[in-house]
Amino acid sequence: MFKVIPNGENRIDIELSGKMDAEEMRVALDELLSKSENIENGKMLYVDIDFHLPSLGAIGIELSHFPLMLGLIKKFDRAAVLTDKAWLQKASELEGLLIPGLEIKAFNRDQKADAEAWLSS
């Protein structure tokens, strides 16, 4: 499951759970692009409910959307990731170091208030 929830004028929240196949990834990316269309200087809150690596087909769909995703990323300044998986926290923050203009910070799932405060600061 990949749920995109608008949260104010320039913020979206994303809930991730389970393993995504190619069709689910296509729908998720279309929804993400659609709901982010008018965002500028945006904030994003990722919530890992029960994340599993996507299928190879889903990764292929994600790669085929790469040019569109680059444009999407430029709409956001900050992203907070809520997860209790240490490897996902490290991967998220590393991704933030690799993407100019996007700061990503990981938090444990019980630190939602801290994540919200960081996004607002």
C-alpha atoms as a PDB file:
ATOM      1  CA  MET A   1       0.000   0.000   0.000  1.00  0.00           C
ATOM      2  CA  PHE A   2       1.176   3.474  -0.902  1.00  0.00           C
ATOM      3  CA  LYS A   3      -1.176   6.155   0.340  1.00  0.00           C
ATOM      4  CA  VAL A   4      -0.643   9.850  -0.497  1.00  0.00           C
ATOM      5  CA  ILE A   5      -2.447  12.240   1.838  1.00  0.00           C
ATOM      6  CA  PRO A   6      -2.401  16.015   1.259  1.00  0.00           C
ATOM      7  CA  ASN A   7      -1.715  17.769   4.567  1.00  0.00           C
ATOM      8  CA  GLY A   8      -2.047  21.518   4.121  1.00  0.00           C
ATOM      9  CA  GLU A   9      -1.029  23.698   1.212  1.00  0.00           C
ATOM     10  CA  ASN A  10       2.558  22.513   0.678  1.00  0.00           C
ATOM     11  CA  ARG A  11       2.792  19.176   2.404  1.00  0.00           C
ATOM     12  CA  ILE A  12       1.966  15.584   1.672  1.00  0.00           C
ATOM     13  CA  ASP A  13       2.090  12.574   3.934  1.00  0.00           C
ATOM     14  CA  ILE A  14       2.895   9.160   2.508  1.00  0.00           C
ATOM     15  CA  GLU A  15       2.086   5.865   4.206  1.00  0.00           C
ATOM     16  CA  LEU A  16       4.013   2.814   3.002  1.00  0.00           C
ATOM     17  CA  SER A  17       3.203  -0.772   3.847  1.00  0.00           C
ATOM     18  CA  GLY A  18       3.658  -4.160   2.267  1.00  0.00           C
ATOM     19  CA  LYS A  19       5.383  -5.047  -0.980  1.00  0.00           C
ATOM     20  CA  MET A  20       4.477  -3.185  -4.159  1.00  0.00           C
ATOM     21  CA  ASP A  21       4.180  -4.809  -7.573  1.00  0.00           C
ATOM     22  CA  ALA A  22       4.467  -3.007 -10.921  1.00  0.00           C
ATOM     23  CA  GLU A  23       0.804  -1.960 -11.174  1.00  0.00           C
ATOM     24  CA  GLU A  24       0.685  -0.688  -7.586  1.00  0.00           C
ATOM     25  CA  MET A  25       3.883   1.310  -8.228  1.00  0.00           C
ATOM     26  CA  ARG A  26       2.400   2.840 -11.402  1.00  0.00           C
ATOM     27  CA  VAL A  27      -0.748   3.911  -9.533  1.00  0.00           C
ATOM     28  CA  ALA A  28       1.276   5.190  -6.543  1.00  0.00           C
ATOM     29  CA  LEU A  29       3.603   7.315  -8.670  1.00  0.00           C
ATOM     30  CA  ASP A  30       0.702   8.760 -10.673  1.00  0.00           C
ATOM     31  CA  GLU A  31      -1.068   9.662  -7.422  1.00  0.00           C
ATOM     32  CA  LEU A  32       2.091  11.190  -5.973  1.00  0.00           C
ATOM     33  CA  LEU A  33       2.664  13.298  -9.077  1.00  0.00           C
ATOM     34  CA  SER A  34      -0.972  14.396  -9.203  1.00  0.00           C
ATOM     35  CA  LYS A  35      -1.224  15.373  -5.539  1.00  0.00           C
ATOM     36  CA  SER A  36       2.122  17.220  -5.659  1.00  0.00           C
ATOM     37  CA  GLU A  37       1.334  19.204  -8.788  1.00  0.00           C
ATOM     38  CA  ASN A  38       0.838  22.615  -7.125  1.00  0.00           C
ATOM     39  CA  ILE A  39       3.351  22.236  -4.294  1.00  0.00           C
ATOM     40  CA  GLU A  40       6.262  24.667  -3.919  1.00  0.00           C
ATOM     41  CA  ASN A  41       8.883  24.533  -1.150  1.00  0.00           C
ATOM     42  CA  GLY A  42       7.073  21.453   0.053  1.00  0.00           C
ATOM     43  CA  LYS A  43       7.404  19.170   3.024  1.00  0.00           C
ATOM     44  CA  MET A  44       6.875  15.430   3.012  1.00  0.00           C
ATOM     45  CA  LEU A  45       6.267  12.967   5.842  1.00  0.00           C
ATOM     46  CA  TYR A  46       6.928   9.298   5.025  1.00  0.00           C
ATOM     47  CA  VAL A  47       5.467   6.810   7.464  1.00  0.00           C
ATOM     48  CA  ASP A  48       6.779   3.249   7.237  1.00  0.00           C
ATOM     49  CA  ILE A  49       3.990   1.009   8.483  1.00  0.00           C
ATOM     50  CA  ASP A  50       5.431  -2.296   7.261  1.00  0.00           C
ATOM     51  CA  PHE A  51       7.765  -1.567   4.347  1.00  0.00           C
ATOM     52  CA  HIS A  52       9.084  -4.338   2.106  1.00  0.00           C
ATOM     53  CA  LEU A  53      11.336  -3.907  -0.899  1.00  0.00           C
ATOM     54  CA  PRO A  54       9.274  -3.540  -4.084  1.00  0.00           C
ATOM     55  CA  SER A  55       9.184  -6.223  -6.784  1.00  0.00           C
ATOM     56  CA  LEU A  56      11.594  -6.003  -9.712  1.00  0.00           C
ATOM     57  CA  GLY A  57       8.678  -4.966 -11.920  1.00  0.00           C
ATOM     58  CA  ALA A  58       7.859  -2.123  -9.533  1.00  0.00           C
ATOM     59  CA  ILE A  59      11.491  -0.959  -9.575  1.00  0.00           C
ATOM     60  CA  GLY A  60      11.334  -0.978 -13.378  1.00  0.00           C
ATOM     61  CA  ILE A  61       8.250   1.250 -13.298  1.00  0.00           C
ATOM     62  CA  GLU A  62       9.960   3.591 -10.846  1.00  0.00           C
ATOM     63  CA  LEU A  63      13.008   3.832 -13.113  1.00  0.00           C
ATOM     64  CA  SER A  64      10.811   4.533 -16.136  1.00  0.00           C
ATOM     65  CA  HIS A  65       9.302   7.473 -14.210  1.00  0.00           C
ATOM     66  CA  PHE A  66      12.749   8.810 -13.251  1.00  0.00           C
ATOM     67  CA  PRO A  67      12.581  12.034 -15.328  1.00  0.00           C
ATOM     68  CA  LEU A  68       9.177  12.893 -13.836  1.00  0.00           C
ATOM     69  CA  MET A  69      10.421  12.069 -10.334  1.00  0.00           C
ATOM     70  CA  LEU A  70      13.342  14.492 -10.708  1.00  0.00           C
ATOM     71  CA  GLY A  71      10.868  17.275 -11.376  1.00  0.00           C
ATOM     72  CA  LEU A  72       8.793  16.166  -8.408  1.00  0.00           C
ATOM     73  CA  ILE A  73      11.748  16.144  -6.018  1.00  0.00           C
ATOM     74  CA  LYS A  74      12.488  19.795  -6.843  1.00  0.00           C
ATOM     75  CA  LYS A  75       9.096  20.727  -5.381  1.00  0.00           C
ATOM     76  CA  PHE A  76      10.189  19.636  -1.887  1.00  0.00           C
ATOM     77  CA  ASP A  77      12.727  21.094   0.548  1.00  0.00           C
ATOM     78  CA  ARG A  78      12.360  18.642   3.425  1.00  0.00           C
ATOM     79  CA  ALA A  79      11.239  15.103   4.040  1.00  0.00           C
ATOM     80  CA  ALA A  80      10.907  13.332   7.379  1.00  0.00           C
ATOM     81  CA  VAL A  81      10.912   9.539   7.458  1.00  0.00           C
ATOM     82  CA  LEU A  82       9.249   7.695  10.346  1.00  0.00           C
ATOM     83  CA  THR A  83      10.562   4.137  10.624  1.00  0.00           C
ATOM     84  CA  ASP A  84      11.989   1.810  13.239  1.00  0.00           C
ATOM     85  CA  LYS A  85      14.210   0.071  10.684  1.00  0.00           C
ATOM     86  CA  ALA A  86      17.773   1.326  11.155  1.00  0.00           C
ATOM     87  CA  TRP A  87      18.774   0.404   7.594  1.00  0.00           C
ATOM     88  CA  LEU A  88      15.878   2.415   6.165  1.00  0.00           C
ATOM     89  CA  GLN A  89      16.760   5.404   8.365  1.00  0.00           C
ATOM     90  CA  LYS A  90      20.351   5.343   7.086  1.00  0.00           C
ATOM     91  CA  ALA A  91      19.289   4.817   3.456  1.00  0.00           C
ATOM     92  CA  SER A  92      16.835   7.734   3.689  1.00  0.00           C
ATOM     93  CA  GLU A  93      19.387  10.137   5.108  1.00  0.00           C
ATOM     94  CA  LEU A  94      21.981   9.013   2.538  1.00  0.00           C
ATOM     95  CA  GLU A  95      19.448   9.710  -0.203  1.00  0.00           C
ATOM     96  CA  GLY A  96      19.052  13.211   1.213  1.00  0.00           C
ATOM     97  CA  LEU A  97      22.807  13.762   0.896  1.00  0.00           C
ATOM     98  CA  LEU A  98      22.680  12.738  -2.763  1.00  0.00           C
ATOM     99  CA  ILE A  99      19.740  14.945  -3.798  1.00  0.00           C
ATOM    100  CA  PRO A 100      20.615  18.655  -3.977  1.00  0.00           C
ATOM    101  CA  GLY A 101      18.036  20.901  -2.348  1.00  0.00           C
ATOM    102  CA  LEU A 102      16.255  18.129  -0.427  1.00  0.00           C
ATOM    103  CA  GLU A 103      16.994  17.565   3.241  1.00  0.00           C
ATOM    104  CA  ILE A 104      15.875  14.197   4.599  1.00  0.00           C
ATOM    105  CA  LYS A 105      15.887  13.301   8.276  1.00  0.00           C
ATOM    106  CA  ALA A 106      14.857   9.963   9.752  1.00  0.00           C
ATOM    107  CA  PHE A 107      13.012   9.466  13.031  1.00  0.00           C
ATOM    108  CA  ASN A 108      11.783   6.473  14.985  1.00  0.00           C
ATOM    109  CA  ARG A 109       8.062   5.869  14.536  1.00  0.00           C
ATOM    110  CA  ASP A 110       7.327   7.020  18.086  1.00  0.00           C
ATOM    111  CA  GLN A 111       8.945  10.418  17.323  1.00  0.00           C
ATOM    112  CA  LYS A 112       6.179  11.789  15.120  1.00  0.00           C
ATOM    113  CA  ALA A 113       5.954  15.019  17.132  1.00  0.00           C
ATOM    114  CA  ASP A 114       9.696  15.580  16.647  1.00  0.00           C
ATOM    115  CA  ALA A 115       9.376  14.897  12.913  1.00  0.00           C
ATOM    116  CA  GLU A 116       6.447  17.323  12.630  1.00  0.00           C
ATOM    117  CA  ALA A 117       8.411  20.015  14.505  1.00  0.00           C
ATOM    118  CA  TRP A 118      11.453  19.489  12.260  1.00  0.00           C
ATOM    119  CA  LEU A 119       9.332  19.757   9.111  1.00  0.00           C
ATOM    120  CA  SER A 120       7.830  23.020  10.395  1.00  0.00           C
ATOM    121  CA  SER A 121      11.139  24.605  11.433  1.00  0.00           C
END
